[in-house]
Protein backbone atom coordinates (compact mmCIF):
# COMPACT_ATOMS: atom_id res chain seq x y z
CA MET A 1 -113.29 7.73 -13.62
CA PRO A 2 -114.55 11.10 -13.18
CA GLU A 3 -116.38 12.67 -16.21
CA PRO A 4 -114.65 15.93 -17.14
CA ARG A 5 -116.55 19.34 -17.64
CA LEU A 6 -117.02 20.64 -21.34
CA ASN A 7 -116.49 24.06 -22.07
CA HIS A 8 -116.11 26.35 -25.40
CA VAL A 9 -113.91 29.44 -25.97
CA GLN A 10 -114.55 31.44 -29.32
CA CYS A 11 -111.51 31.94 -31.31
CA LEU A 12 -110.80 34.14 -34.62
CA ASP A 13 -109.80 32.70 -37.95
CA THR A 14 -109.11 34.45 -41.39
CA ARG A 15 -112.79 33.90 -41.98
CA GLY A 16 -114.81 35.06 -38.78
CA LEU A 17 -115.36 32.98 -35.30
CA HIS A 18 -114.91 29.06 -34.53
CA ARG A 19 -115.86 27.30 -31.11
CA MET A 20 -112.81 25.44 -29.85
CA ALA A 21 -113.99 22.92 -26.94
CA TYR A 22 -112.01 22.37 -23.84
CA TRP A 23 -112.59 19.35 -21.11
CA GLU A 24 -111.39 20.61 -17.48
CA TRP A 25 -110.50 18.09 -14.07
CA GLY A 26 -110.36 19.46 -10.72
CA ASP A 27 -110.89 22.94 -8.90
CA ARG A 28 -111.84 25.78 -11.26
CA ALA A 29 -110.70 28.04 -9.29
CA ASN A 30 -107.00 25.82 -8.45
CA PRO A 31 -104.86 28.57 -9.30
CA ARG A 32 -102.43 26.23 -10.50
CA VAL A 33 -103.00 25.10 -14.24
CA LEU A 34 -101.99 22.22 -16.51
CA VAL A 35 -102.50 22.30 -19.96
CA CYS A 36 -102.94 18.64 -21.79
CA ALA A 37 -102.84 19.29 -25.61
CA HIS A 38 -103.25 16.24 -28.25
CA GLY A 39 -101.55 14.65 -31.42
CA LEU A 40 -102.72 16.00 -35.25
CA SER A 41 -105.52 13.57 -35.49
CA ARG A 42 -106.43 13.01 -31.55
CA GLN A 43 -108.61 14.49 -29.32
CA GLY A 44 -108.30 16.20 -25.95
CA ARG A 45 -110.28 12.94 -24.35
CA ASP A 46 -106.71 11.26 -24.84
CA PHE A 47 -105.59 12.94 -21.25
CA ASP A 48 -108.60 11.18 -19.50
CA SER A 49 -105.79 9.00 -16.98
CA LEU A 50 -103.15 11.74 -16.99
CA ALA A 51 -105.94 14.60 -16.19
CA THR A 52 -107.32 12.16 -13.05
CA ALA A 53 -104.08 11.49 -11.81
CA MET A 54 -103.15 15.07 -11.40
CA ALA A 55 -106.66 16.66 -11.08
CA GLY A 56 -106.36 16.49 -7.06
CA GLU A 57 -102.68 19.47 -7.35
CA TYR A 58 -104.10 21.02 -10.74
CA ARG A 59 -106.79 22.78 -12.41
CA VAL A 60 -106.30 20.22 -15.85
CA VAL A 61 -107.75 21.78 -18.67
CA ALA A 62 -107.33 19.13 -22.34
CA PRO A 63 -108.16 21.17 -25.55
CA ASP A 64 -110.33 19.77 -28.50
CA VAL A 65 -107.88 22.08 -31.21
CA VAL A 66 -110.28 22.80 -33.75
CA GLY A 67 -111.39 20.36 -36.58
CA ARG A 68 -111.33 17.51 -33.94
CA GLY A 69 -113.46 16.51 -30.88
CA GLN A 70 -116.09 18.59 -29.98
CA SER A 71 -114.90 21.65 -31.74
CA ASP A 72 -116.16 23.22 -34.71
CA TRP A 73 -114.83 23.04 -38.13
CA LEU A 74 -112.77 25.38 -39.87
CA SER A 75 -114.79 26.87 -43.46
CA ASP A 76 -110.87 27.48 -45.29
CA PRO A 77 -109.32 24.21 -44.17
CA ILE A 78 -106.05 26.10 -44.65
CA GLY A 79 -106.09 27.55 -41.21
CA TYR A 80 -105.20 24.61 -39.92
CA VAL A 81 -101.89 25.15 -39.08
CA LEU A 82 -99.80 25.58 -36.07
CA PRO A 83 -100.04 29.61 -35.96
CA THR A 84 -103.91 29.22 -35.79
CA TYR A 85 -104.00 26.72 -33.35
CA MET A 86 -101.27 28.99 -31.25
CA ALA A 87 -103.58 31.66 -31.32
CA ASP A 88 -106.20 29.45 -30.10
CA MET A 89 -104.64 28.62 -27.20
CA VAL A 90 -103.75 31.86 -26.39
CA THR A 91 -107.32 32.92 -26.30
CA LEU A 92 -107.77 29.41 -24.38
CA LEU A 93 -105.40 31.03 -21.83
CA ALA A 94 -106.30 34.15 -21.21
CA ARG A 95 -110.72 32.73 -20.63
CA LEU A 96 -108.95 30.35 -18.27
CA ASP A 97 -107.28 33.85 -16.42
CA ALA A 98 -104.12 31.68 -16.12
CA GLN A 99 -100.95 33.69 -15.20
CA SER A 100 -98.83 30.86 -15.28
CA VAL A 101 -99.18 27.44 -16.70
CA HIS A 102 -97.47 23.92 -17.22
CA TRP A 103 -98.06 22.07 -20.44
CA VAL A 104 -97.73 18.74 -21.61
CA GLY A 105 -97.75 17.92 -25.30
CA THR A 106 -97.76 15.10 -27.76
CA SER A 107 -96.71 15.04 -30.95
CA MET A 108 -98.54 18.18 -32.53
CA GLY A 109 -99.65 19.50 -28.97
CA GLY A 110 -95.80 19.01 -28.50
CA LEU A 111 -95.28 22.06 -31.26
CA ILE A 112 -97.88 24.22 -30.12
CA GLY A 113 -96.01 24.20 -26.59
CA LEU A 114 -93.04 24.82 -27.67
CA GLY A 115 -94.33 27.48 -29.91
CA LEU A 116 -95.86 29.43 -26.77
CA ALA A 117 -92.83 28.66 -24.52
CA SER A 118 -90.25 30.34 -27.19
CA PHE A 119 -92.08 33.14 -26.68
CA GLN A 120 -91.09 36.33 -24.31
CA GLN A 121 -93.59 37.21 -21.23
CA THR A 122 -94.50 33.31 -22.16
CA PRO A 123 -96.95 31.83 -19.43
CA ILE A 124 -95.76 28.29 -19.27
CA ALA A 125 -93.14 27.18 -16.71
CA LYS A 126 -93.09 23.95 -17.09
CA LEU A 127 -93.16 22.13 -20.77
CA VAL A 128 -93.40 18.43 -21.30
CA LEU A 129 -92.83 17.45 -24.95
CA ASN A 130 -94.05 13.75 -25.62
CA ASP A 131 -92.39 12.44 -28.53
CA VAL A 132 -91.72 15.20 -30.76
CA GLY A 133 -88.72 17.92 -31.51
CA PRO A 134 -87.93 20.90 -34.31
CA THR A 135 -86.81 18.12 -36.87
CA ILE A 136 -89.78 15.66 -37.58
CA GLN A 137 -88.50 12.41 -39.97
CA PRO A 138 -90.17 11.98 -43.13
CA ASP A 139 -90.75 8.22 -43.27
CA ALA A 140 -93.15 9.69 -39.91
CA LEU A 141 -94.88 12.08 -42.18
CA GLN A 142 -95.55 9.63 -44.67
CA ARG A 143 -96.71 6.84 -42.59
CA ILE A 144 -99.39 9.02 -41.21
CA GLY A 145 -100.05 10.95 -43.77
CA SER A 146 -101.28 7.21 -45.76
CA TYR A 147 -104.32 7.76 -43.67
CA LEU A 148 -104.58 11.09 -42.35
CA GLY A 149 -108.11 12.45 -43.94
CA LEU A 150 -109.25 9.30 -45.88
CA PRO A 151 -112.96 8.73 -45.42
CA GLN A 152 -113.89 6.07 -43.02
CA ARG A 153 -117.00 4.47 -41.31
CA TRP A 154 -117.25 1.48 -39.09
CA ALA A 155 -120.44 -0.37 -38.22
CA THR A 156 -119.66 -1.14 -34.31
CA LEU A 157 -117.21 0.23 -31.64
CA GLU A 158 -115.22 -2.52 -32.03
CA ASP A 159 -114.63 -2.42 -35.52
CA ALA A 160 -113.40 0.95 -35.30
CA ALA A 161 -110.98 0.32 -32.51
CA ASP A 162 -109.06 -2.57 -34.54
CA TYR A 163 -109.04 -0.12 -37.26
CA MET A 164 -107.28 2.28 -34.81
CA LEU A 165 -105.30 -0.10 -33.76
CA SER A 166 -104.15 -0.69 -36.90
CA ILE A 167 -102.37 2.24 -37.50
CA SER A 168 -101.75 3.14 -34.03
CA GLN A 169 -98.99 0.48 -33.33
CA GLY A 170 -96.77 3.04 -31.49
CA PHE A 171 -99.09 3.89 -28.98
CA GLY A 172 -97.76 0.82 -26.51
CA THR A 173 -99.62 -1.68 -24.61
CA HIS A 174 -102.99 -1.63 -23.94
CA SER A 175 -105.53 -3.80 -22.51
CA ARG A 176 -108.72 -4.14 -24.36
CA GLU A 177 -110.89 -2.12 -22.24
CA GLN A 178 -108.19 0.84 -22.30
CA TRP A 179 -107.93 0.87 -25.85
CA LEU A 180 -111.55 0.81 -26.22
CA ALA A 181 -111.65 3.89 -23.82
CA LEU A 182 -109.27 5.82 -26.04
CA THR A 183 -111.20 4.83 -29.12
CA ARG A 184 -114.82 5.90 -28.14
CA PRO A 185 -114.02 10.05 -28.13
CA MET A 186 -112.32 9.38 -31.46
CA LEU A 187 -115.92 8.40 -32.94
CA LYS A 188 -118.67 10.43 -34.22
CA ALA A 189 -122.34 8.84 -34.42
CA ASP A 190 -123.11 8.19 -38.68
CA GLY A 191 -126.55 6.77 -38.55
CA ASP A 192 -126.17 3.02 -37.30
CA GLY A 193 -122.63 3.38 -37.54
CA PHE A 194 -119.47 5.60 -36.79
CA LYS A 195 -116.98 7.52 -38.44
CA PRO A 196 -113.92 9.61 -37.20
CA HIS A 197 -114.24 12.67 -34.74
CA TYR A 198 -112.28 14.95 -37.29
CA ASP A 199 -112.71 17.13 -40.31
CA PRO A 200 -110.96 15.18 -43.10
CA ALA A 201 -109.54 18.72 -44.39
CA ILE A 202 -106.91 18.97 -41.61
CA ALA A 203 -105.40 16.82 -44.49
CA VAL A 204 -105.16 19.57 -46.84
CA PRO A 205 -102.34 21.63 -45.29
CA PHE A 206 -100.63 18.50 -44.14
CA ARG A 207 -100.09 17.16 -47.84
CA ALA A 208 -99.19 20.49 -48.93
CA ILE A 209 -95.98 20.10 -46.97
CA THR A 210 -92.58 20.24 -49.93
CA PRO A 211 -89.42 19.68 -48.88
CA GLU A 212 -88.53 23.14 -48.57
CA LEU A 213 -91.42 24.25 -46.86
CA ALA A 214 -90.37 20.92 -43.96
CA ALA A 215 -86.77 22.22 -43.91
CA ALA A 216 -88.27 25.89 -43.57
CA SER A 217 -90.32 24.96 -40.98
CA GLU A 218 -87.45 22.92 -39.30
CA ALA A 219 -85.09 25.47 -39.22
CA ALA A 220 -87.87 28.17 -37.35
CA LEU A 221 -88.48 24.89 -35.13
CA TRP A 222 -85.09 24.64 -33.81
CA LYS A 223 -84.67 28.53 -33.65
CA ALA A 224 -88.06 28.43 -31.34
CA TYR A 225 -86.68 25.72 -28.96
CA ASP A 226 -83.58 27.51 -28.32
CA ALA A 227 -85.27 30.35 -27.34
CA ILE A 228 -87.18 28.66 -24.94
CA ALA A 229 -85.95 28.78 -21.25
CA CYS A 230 -88.44 27.31 -18.84
CA ARG A 231 -87.59 23.47 -17.35
CA THR A 232 -88.46 20.96 -20.51
CA LEU A 233 -88.98 17.30 -20.23
CA LEU A 234 -88.61 15.53 -23.50
CA LEU A 235 -90.65 11.91 -23.63
CA ARG A 236 -89.67 9.41 -26.28
CA GLY A 237 -90.70 5.98 -27.53
CA ALA A 238 -87.64 4.10 -27.86
CA ASP A 239 -89.12 2.79 -31.21
CA SER A 240 -90.25 6.28 -32.48
CA ASP A 241 -89.99 7.19 -36.41
CA LEU A 242 -90.84 10.37 -35.65
CA LEU A 243 -88.54 11.39 -33.03
CA THR A 244 -84.82 9.96 -33.91
CA ARG A 245 -82.34 9.33 -30.92
CA GLU A 246 -79.98 11.90 -32.47
CA THR A 247 -82.73 15.13 -32.30
CA ALA A 248 -83.85 14.06 -28.90
CA GLN A 249 -79.78 13.97 -27.53
CA ALA A 250 -79.30 17.50 -29.56
CA MET A 251 -82.31 18.67 -27.54
CA THR A 252 -80.74 17.96 -24.09
CA GLN A 253 -77.68 20.10 -25.04
CA ARG A 254 -79.63 22.95 -27.26
CA GLY A 255 -81.94 25.37 -25.77
CA PRO A 256 -83.24 24.43 -22.47
CA ARG A 257 -81.11 21.26 -22.50
CA ALA A 258 -84.33 18.92 -21.84
CA GLN A 259 -84.25 15.93 -19.47
CA LEU A 260 -84.95 12.97 -21.48
CA HIS A 261 -86.61 9.93 -20.51
CA GLU A 262 -87.08 7.21 -22.87
CA PHE A 263 -89.97 4.83 -22.21
CA PRO A 264 -89.19 0.96 -23.93
CA ALA A 265 -90.96 -0.93 -26.45
CA VAL A 266 -93.08 2.28 -27.47
CA GLY A 267 -93.26 4.33 -30.88
CA HIS A 268 -94.94 7.01 -31.73
CA ALA A 269 -96.51 8.29 -29.15
CA PRO A 270 -96.32 7.14 -25.67
CA MET A 271 -100.39 8.16 -24.68
CA LEU A 272 -99.73 8.75 -21.08
CA SER A 273 -102.03 6.58 -19.84
CA VAL A 274 -100.53 3.76 -18.39
CA PRO A 275 -99.15 4.20 -14.80
CA GLU A 276 -95.66 4.21 -15.20
CA GLN A 277 -95.75 7.06 -17.90
CA ILE A 278 -97.86 8.85 -15.51
CA ALA A 279 -95.73 8.78 -12.82
CA VAL A 280 -92.60 10.20 -15.07
CA VAL A 281 -94.79 13.46 -15.90
CA ARG A 282 -96.28 13.64 -12.16
CA GLU A 283 -92.98 14.00 -10.86
CA PHE A 284 -91.16 16.17 -13.38
CA LEU A 285 -94.60 18.61 -12.60
CA LEU A 286 -94.26 18.33 -9.07
CA ALA A 287 -90.99 18.51 -8.52
CA PRO A 288 -89.93 22.35 -6.82
């Protein structure tokens, strides 16, 4: 699998500037741009397989959202929220000089894309929402919060892979080789061992969510979803605890009336790294 190019772009926050890293595949002169945005505690290399499959047709860009991967950490953890992430992506799109883009977003990355796609004069022409919608189940948030930001250290890659597999059962079936490939970019060297790639402080605003804030956020997300006009594909793990079938069905009837595709024997969230999942995304993106 070819190695992507690593680039950085400077973005503005409340304390100054931070650098956001982004990975890039394909011809950088290609005007067809595909942005792939990852989930809450993940990073851009999650999309290695999808990006490789799409690099012949697109300039594929997968950012490490601030606080993750090769990006800077924020000095003020309150900045780890959707408005910051969306503003950073606007800066990234300006750097790419992309007049029109297609967007694939998993979980948090889908919410970033949903917000951007709802704006007037949005550059997003096609949107793939991977196992996320305006209504997010509290039980799933509680599950994610049970491990997000905890101090972790592993002696070996194998140990880290075993732990990450234990908290990632919803990702579906992967070979050991595939899982190790997904695990490596999730780690930073720590002496003779490894620690998670992300800033533990990303959990601070996540844990500050109250029922009242969650209800207001859900209302705002539905309003944004209803404003989306571009063609939209909604992917759902059939066993997802974050995106219910009821919410997914509502998303096929409202706003952009998303086309829905469910993957059996997968929860939250499909990793888009196996051929049958890549094929679904590829068919949607390349359709006239």
